């Protein structure tokens, strides 16, 4: 596993969106490409986003701490380029657009992992204590099987956890993200851990208060899980909101970086797809967005002058 701690953070640019990307950027309501030409456009879009990463590196971003989260379905070429460039590679194994966790390639999923050899194997899971108990238990059992297989194979496991509020939960508080979600995240983490889902890294929605970030880390590391780390996901939040989440998490030991996707590239990519924006201009915007979030993290962490191994800002 790559070295990952507060002094060796990881800044993932996430572009593993699939069905949502088709729906929101390419206007395919089914979440599937209309034909091979459309699939080629999606693949080209991911390559454009990756060139934005290269632009950020050329402008001084740390090669050691930069990573890319990209899917095999539309981003196989990007994944290979990431490996060739010596950047950290994370890849998803879940099927996109499903309500409950499902493996993209069924029983053959590990062969796909082996063929790309990512540094991090990622799954996305949605859970909430209010969800149907039987389905929660089955999902947890399926995830535990994956966790065990990855541990036996010596591959680090990155779990992206979303805890969407039910209508009743949303209505019960003034601000779900601030007032209720932190408690639910703690409950879900405990539930998944108790059901055998052991992650090396938890990719979590941003938190508004330091005490909640500290409590979430304590839960992720409970009962001797001292090496477990957490990173912040972007959730397509506006820059101001995302900056706040990063500034809250960065000073908290146990939070060691982020995985931000659409907030970096959605608008520039849509401008290329729909408005004909010059691709080089789009790459520059993606690079600037990514470096902004890196800068925000490092400044909030306050380690830059102390020699943190994060490279240029």
Protein backbone atom coordinates (compact mmCIF):
# COMPACT_ATOMS: atom_id res chain seq x y z
CA UNK A 1 0.00 0.00 0.00
CA UNK A 2 1.36 3.48 -0.83
CA UNK A 3 2.45 5.45 2.22
CA UNK A 4 -0.54 7.42 3.41
CA UNK A 5 -0.73 9.57 6.51
CA UNK A 6 -1.02 13.21 7.53
CA UNK A 7 2.45 14.00 6.21
CA UNK A 8 1.94 11.96 3.05
CA UNK A 9 -1.54 13.00 1.87
CA UNK A 10 -3.37 11.75 -1.19
CA UNK A 11 -5.18 14.09 -3.57
CA UNK A 12 -7.34 12.04 -5.92
CA UNK A 13 -8.97 13.56 -8.96
CA UNK A 14 -12.05 11.40 -9.36
CA UNK A 15 -13.49 10.67 -12.79
CA UNK A 16 -15.06 7.26 -12.24
CA UNK A 17 -18.61 8.52 -12.87
CA UNK A 18 -20.39 6.47 -15.48
CA UNK A 19 -24.22 6.46 -15.60
CA UNK A 20 -24.46 9.90 -13.97
CA UNK A 21 -21.89 11.27 -16.40
CA UNK A 22 -23.93 10.05 -19.35
CA UNK A 23 -27.09 11.57 -17.92
CA UNK A 24 -25.77 14.96 -16.82
CA UNK A 25 -23.01 15.76 -19.31
CA UNK A 26 -24.00 13.83 -22.42
CA UNK A 27 -27.79 14.07 -21.99
CA UNK A 28 -28.34 10.32 -22.19
CA UNK A 29 -31.26 9.80 -19.82
CA UNK A 30 -30.78 6.04 -19.78
CA UNK A 31 -27.27 6.37 -18.39
CA UNK A 32 -25.99 4.37 -21.35
CA UNK A 33 -24.31 5.55 -24.57
CA UNK A 34 -26.63 5.63 -27.56
CA UNK A 35 -24.00 3.99 -29.76
CA UNK A 36 -20.27 3.37 -30.07
CA UNK A 37 -19.70 6.92 -31.31
CA UNK A 38 -21.22 8.26 -28.10
CA UNK A 39 -19.11 5.88 -26.00
CA UNK A 40 -16.04 7.17 -27.84
CA UNK A 41 -17.03 10.73 -26.92
CA UNK A 42 -17.25 9.73 -23.26
CA UNK A 43 -13.83 8.09 -23.41
CA UNK A 44 -12.40 11.20 -25.07
CA UNK A 45 -13.90 13.33 -22.30
CA UNK A 46 -12.10 11.29 -19.67
CA UNK A 47 -8.86 11.66 -21.56
CA UNK A 48 -9.40 15.42 -21.60
CA UNK A 49 -9.89 15.42 -17.82
CA UNK A 50 -6.69 13.43 -17.42
CA UNK A 51 -4.80 15.98 -19.52
CA UNK A 52 -6.00 18.49 -16.94
CA UNK A 53 -4.18 16.42 -14.32
CA UNK A 54 -1.02 16.51 -16.43
CA UNK A 55 -1.38 20.28 -16.74
CA UNK A 56 -1.58 20.54 -12.95
CA UNK A 57 1.57 18.45 -12.61
CA UNK A 58 3.39 20.64 -15.13
CA UNK A 59 2.39 23.66 -13.03
CA UNK A 60 3.92 22.16 -9.87
CA UNK A 61 1.46 19.74 -8.31
CA UNK A 62 3.15 16.89 -6.47
CA UNK A 63 3.53 13.80 -8.63
CA UNK A 64 3.91 11.61 -5.55
CA UNK A 65 0.68 12.76 -3.92
CA UNK A 66 -1.48 13.08 -7.04
CA UNK A 67 -3.84 10.24 -7.86
CA UNK A 68 -6.60 9.48 -10.31
CA UNK A 69 -9.79 7.53 -9.63
CA UNK A 70 -11.04 6.25 -12.96
CA UNK A 71 -13.25 3.42 -14.21
CA UNK A 72 -12.42 0.63 -16.64
CA UNK A 73 -15.63 1.03 -18.64
CA UNK A 74 -14.81 4.39 -20.21
CA UNK A 75 -11.40 5.12 -18.71
CA UNK A 76 -9.27 2.04 -19.37
CA UNK A 77 -6.83 4.03 -21.51
CA UNK A 78 -6.58 6.69 -18.81
CA UNK A 79 -5.93 4.05 -16.15
CA UNK A 80 -3.01 2.68 -18.15
CA UNK A 81 -1.61 6.18 -18.67
CA UNK A 82 -1.86 6.87 -14.95
CA UNK A 83 0.18 3.75 -14.18
CA UNK A 84 2.75 4.63 -16.85
CA UNK A 85 3.09 8.13 -15.37
CA UNK A 86 3.78 6.74 -11.89
CA UNK A 87 0.74 8.37 -10.35
CA UNK A 88 -1.47 6.63 -7.82
CA UNK A 89 -4.36 4.80 -9.45
CA UNK A 90 -7.71 4.01 -7.85
CA UNK A 91 -10.37 2.05 -9.70
CA UNK A 92 -13.99 1.20 -8.87
CA UNK A 93 -15.39 -2.31 -8.97
CA UNK A 94 -19.06 -1.51 -8.30
CA UNK A 95 -21.68 -1.34 -11.02
CA UNK A 96 -22.69 2.26 -11.64
CA UNK A 97 -26.18 3.60 -11.06
CA UNK A 98 -27.38 0.87 -8.69
CA UNK A 99 -29.24 1.57 -5.45
CA UNK A 100 -27.45 -1.27 -3.64
CA UNK A 101 -23.88 -2.48 -4.06
CA UNK A 102 -23.35 -4.79 -7.01
CA UNK A 103 -20.09 -5.89 -8.59
CA UNK A 104 -19.46 -4.53 -12.10
CA UNK A 105 -17.95 -7.75 -13.41
CA UNK A 106 -19.58 -10.35 -11.17
CA UNK A 107 -17.40 -13.26 -10.15
CA UNK A 108 -14.64 -12.10 -12.52
CA UNK A 109 -14.06 -8.82 -10.71
CA UNK A 110 -10.67 -9.76 -9.25
CA UNK A 111 -9.30 -10.64 -12.69
CA UNK A 112 -10.18 -7.12 -13.82
CA UNK A 113 -8.41 -5.69 -10.77
CA UNK A 114 -5.33 -7.78 -11.48
CA UNK A 115 -5.22 -6.66 -15.10
CA UNK A 116 -4.91 -2.98 -14.13
CA UNK A 117 -3.07 -3.39 -10.81
CA UNK A 118 -4.48 -0.25 -9.13
CA UNK A 119 -3.02 1.12 -5.92
CA UNK A 120 -6.53 1.38 -4.46
CA UNK A 121 -9.61 -0.74 -5.16
CA UNK A 122 -12.73 1.31 -4.57
CA UNK A 123 -16.39 0.59 -3.98
CA UNK A 124 -19.26 3.00 -3.50
CA UNK A 125 -21.93 2.12 -0.97
CA UNK A 126 -25.07 3.93 0.12
CA UNK A 127 -26.39 3.10 3.55
CA UNK A 128 -28.56 4.50 6.30
CA UNK A 129 -29.82 2.95 9.54
CA UNK A 130 -33.36 3.65 8.33
CA UNK A 131 -32.99 1.47 5.24
CA UNK A 132 -34.57 -1.98 5.03
CA UNK A 133 -32.75 -4.30 7.43
CA UNK A 134 -32.55 -7.36 5.17
CA UNK A 135 -31.13 -5.40 2.26
CA UNK A 136 -28.61 -3.68 4.51
CA UNK A 137 -27.44 -7.01 5.86
CA UNK A 138 -27.07 -8.51 2.39
CA UNK A 139 -25.14 -5.50 1.16
CA UNK A 140 -22.83 -5.64 4.15
CA UNK A 141 -22.23 -9.36 3.60
CA UNK A 142 -21.38 -8.75 -0.06
CA UNK A 143 -18.97 -5.96 0.87
CA UNK A 144 -17.37 -8.12 3.54
CA UNK A 145 -16.63 -10.79 0.92
CA UNK A 146 -14.90 -8.18 -1.21
CA UNK A 147 -12.95 -6.85 1.77
CA UNK A 148 -11.74 -10.35 2.66
CA UNK A 149 -10.74 -11.16 -0.92
CA UNK A 150 -8.79 -7.91 -1.24
CA UNK A 151 -7.07 -8.42 2.09
CA UNK A 152 -6.06 -11.93 1.08
CA UNK A 153 -4.72 -10.53 -2.22
CA UNK A 154 -2.80 -7.78 -0.46
CA UNK A 155 -4.75 -5.01 -2.18
CA UNK A 156 -5.80 -1.85 -0.33
CA UNK A 157 -9.55 -1.27 -0.04
CA UNK A 158 -11.09 2.20 -0.40
CA UNK A 159 -14.77 2.47 0.53
CA UNK A 160 -16.77 5.49 -0.59
CA UNK A 161 -19.63 5.85 1.88
CA UNK A 162 -22.68 7.96 1.14
CA UNK A 163 -25.38 8.37 3.78
CA UNK A 164 -28.33 10.04 2.01
CA UNK A 165 -31.09 11.24 4.31
CA UNK A 166 -34.59 9.83 4.06
CA UNK A 167 -37.43 12.28 3.58
CA UNK A 168 -38.33 11.92 7.25
CA UNK A 169 -34.75 12.53 8.37
CA UNK A 170 -34.40 15.56 6.13
CA UNK A 171 -37.61 17.01 7.52
CA UNK A 172 -36.64 16.37 11.14
CA UNK A 173 -33.74 18.84 11.26
CA UNK A 174 -32.88 22.28 9.95
CA UNK A 175 -29.71 21.13 8.19
CA UNK A 176 -29.34 17.39 7.53
CA UNK A 177 -25.63 17.56 6.65
CA UNK A 178 -24.80 19.45 9.82
CA UNK A 179 -27.35 18.26 12.35
CA UNK A 180 -27.98 14.59 11.61
CA UNK A 181 -25.67 13.07 9.00
CA UNK A 182 -22.58 12.94 11.29
CA UNK A 183 -24.43 10.73 13.78
CA UNK A 184 -25.68 8.49 10.98
CA UNK A 185 -22.20 8.15 9.48
CA UNK A 186 -20.89 6.95 12.84
CA UNK A 187 -23.73 4.42 13.08
CA UNK A 188 -23.17 3.14 9.55
CA UNK A 189 -19.42 2.83 10.02
CA UNK A 190 -19.97 0.77 13.16
CA UNK A 191 -22.56 -1.39 11.41
CA UNK A 192 -20.34 -2.13 8.42
CA UNK A 193 -17.30 -2.83 10.59
CA UNK A 194 -19.33 -5.16 12.80
CA UNK A 195 -20.40 -7.01 9.64
CA UNK A 196 -16.85 -7.56 8.42
CA UNK A 197 -16.37 -4.60 6.10
CA UNK A 198 -12.78 -3.57 6.84
CA UNK A 199 -11.55 -0.64 4.75
CA UNK A 200 -8.05 0.75 4.59
CA UNK A 201 -9.46 4.14 3.60
CA UNK A 202 -12.95 5.55 4.07
CA UNK A 203 -13.97 8.15 1.47
CA UNK A 204 -16.54 10.26 3.29
CA UNK A 205 -18.85 13.20 2.70
CA UNK A 206 -17.58 16.47 4.12
CA UNK A 207 -18.32 17.50 7.68
CA UNK A 208 -19.11 20.99 8.91
CA UNK A 209 -17.67 20.75 12.42
CA UNK A 210 -14.26 19.70 13.69
CA UNK A 211 -15.73 17.66 16.52
CA UNK A 212 -17.72 15.60 14.03
CA UNK A 213 -14.63 14.96 11.90
CA UNK A 214 -12.77 13.81 15.01
CA UNK A 215 -15.65 11.54 16.03
CA UNK A 216 -15.83 9.95 12.58
CA UNK A 217 -12.08 9.24 12.60
CA UNK A 218 -12.35 7.74 16.09
CA UNK A 219 -15.09 5.44 14.82
CA UNK A 220 -13.15 4.44 11.72
CA UNK A 221 -10.20 3.56 13.98
CA UNK A 222 -12.09 1.94 16.86
CA UNK A 223 -11.12 -1.42 18.35
CA UNK A 224 -7.51 -1.38 17.14
CA UNK A 225 -8.07 -0.18 13.59
CA UNK A 226 -5.33 2.40 14.15
CA UNK A 227 -3.98 2.41 10.59
CA UNK A 228 -7.32 3.21 8.93
CA UNK A 229 -7.43 6.60 7.18
CA UNK A 230 -10.18 8.90 5.92
CA UNK A 231 -10.42 11.22 2.91
CA UNK A 232 -13.06 13.76 1.92
CA UNK A 233 -15.22 13.27 -1.16
CA UNK A 234 -16.48 16.17 -3.24
CA UNK A 235 -20.18 15.32 -3.84
CA UNK A 236 -20.26 17.92 -6.62
CA UNK A 237 -20.44 20.62 -3.97
CA UNK A 238 -19.95 24.30 -4.80
CA UNK A 239 -16.39 25.51 -4.28
CA UNK A 240 -17.25 27.50 -1.13
CA UNK A 241 -18.90 24.48 0.53
CA UNK A 242 -16.12 22.14 -0.50
CA UNK A 243 -13.44 24.53 0.75
CA UNK A 244 -15.21 24.57 4.13
CA UNK A 245 -15.30 20.77 4.28
CA UNK A 246 -11.59 20.57 3.39
CA UNK A 247 -10.63 23.20 5.96
CA UNK A 248 -12.59 21.32 8.60
CA UNK A 249 -11.03 17.94 7.86
CA UNK A 250 -7.43 18.87 7.03
CA UNK A 251 -6.25 19.69 10.58
CA UNK A 252 -7.82 16.49 11.98
CA UNK A 253 -5.40 13.59 12.31
CA UNK A 254 -6.82 10.65 10.41
CA UNK A 255 -8.02 12.74 7.48
CA UNK A 256 -5.28 12.49 4.88
CA UNK A 257 -6.58 14.06 1.69
CA UNK A 258 -9.50 14.07 -0.68
CA UNK A 259 -11.12 12.53 -3.75
CA UNK A 260 -12.83 15.32 -5.68
CA UNK A 261 -14.37 14.80 -9.08
CA UNK A 262 -17.06 16.87 -10.74
CA UNK A 263 -16.16 20.05 -8.85
CA UNK A 264 -12.89 19.94 -10.79
CA UNK A 265 -14.06 19.07 -14.28
CA UNK A 266 -17.83 19.10 -14.75
CA UNK A 267 -18.23 22.67 -16.01
CA UNK A 268 -15.14 22.68 -18.27
CA UNK A 269 -16.08 19.31 -19.77
CA UNK A 270 -19.69 20.35 -20.35
CA UNK A 271 -18.46 23.53 -22.03
CA UNK A 272 -16.41 21.40 -24.42
CA UNK A 273 -19.22 18.92 -25.07
CA UNK A 274 -22.03 21.45 -25.43
CA UNK A 275 -20.44 24.80 -26.25
CA UNK A 276 -17.30 23.87 -28.14
CA UNK A 277 -14.84 25.29 -25.60
CA UNK A 278 -11.25 24.84 -26.67
CA UNK A 279 -9.93 21.67 -25.07
CA UNK A 280 -6.68 23.28 -24.00
CA UNK A 281 -8.63 25.97 -22.15
CA UNK A 282 -10.71 23.28 -20.47
CA UNK A 283 -7.58 21.42 -19.38
CA UNK A 284 -6.25 24.62 -17.85
CA UNK A 285 -9.46 25.17 -15.90
CA UNK A 286 -9.43 21.59 -14.60
CA UNK A 287 -5.81 21.99 -13.51
CA UNK A 288 -6.57 25.28 -11.76
CA UNK A 289 -9.57 23.80 -9.93
CA UNK A 290 -7.57 20.79 -8.78
CA UNK A 291 -4.66 22.92 -7.59
CA UNK A 292 -7.09 25.19 -5.75
CA UNK A 293 -8.36 22.29 -3.66
CA UNK A 294 -4.82 21.04 -3.02
CA UNK A 295 -3.83 24.54 -1.89
CA UNK A 296 -6.88 24.77 0.35
CA UNK A 297 -6.01 21.47 2.03
CA UNK A 298 -2.34 22.24 2.56
CA UNK A 299 -3.00 25.72 3.89
CA UNK A 300 -5.62 24.41 6.31
CA UNK A 301 -3.29 21.66 7.43
CA UNK A 302 -0.57 24.20 8.09
CA UNK A 303 2.27 21.79 7.36
CA UNK A 304 3.68 23.37 4.21
CA UNK A 305 6.47 25.26 5.88
CA UNK A 306 7.18 22.33 8.18
CA UNK A 307 8.28 20.08 5.32
CA UNK A 308 5.19 18.00 4.75
CA UNK A 309 5.84 15.64 1.89
CA UNK A 310 3.12 17.01 -0.36
CA UNK A 311 5.16 18.66 -3.06
CA UNK A 312 4.40 21.97 -4.73
CA UNK A 313 1.21 23.90 -4.20
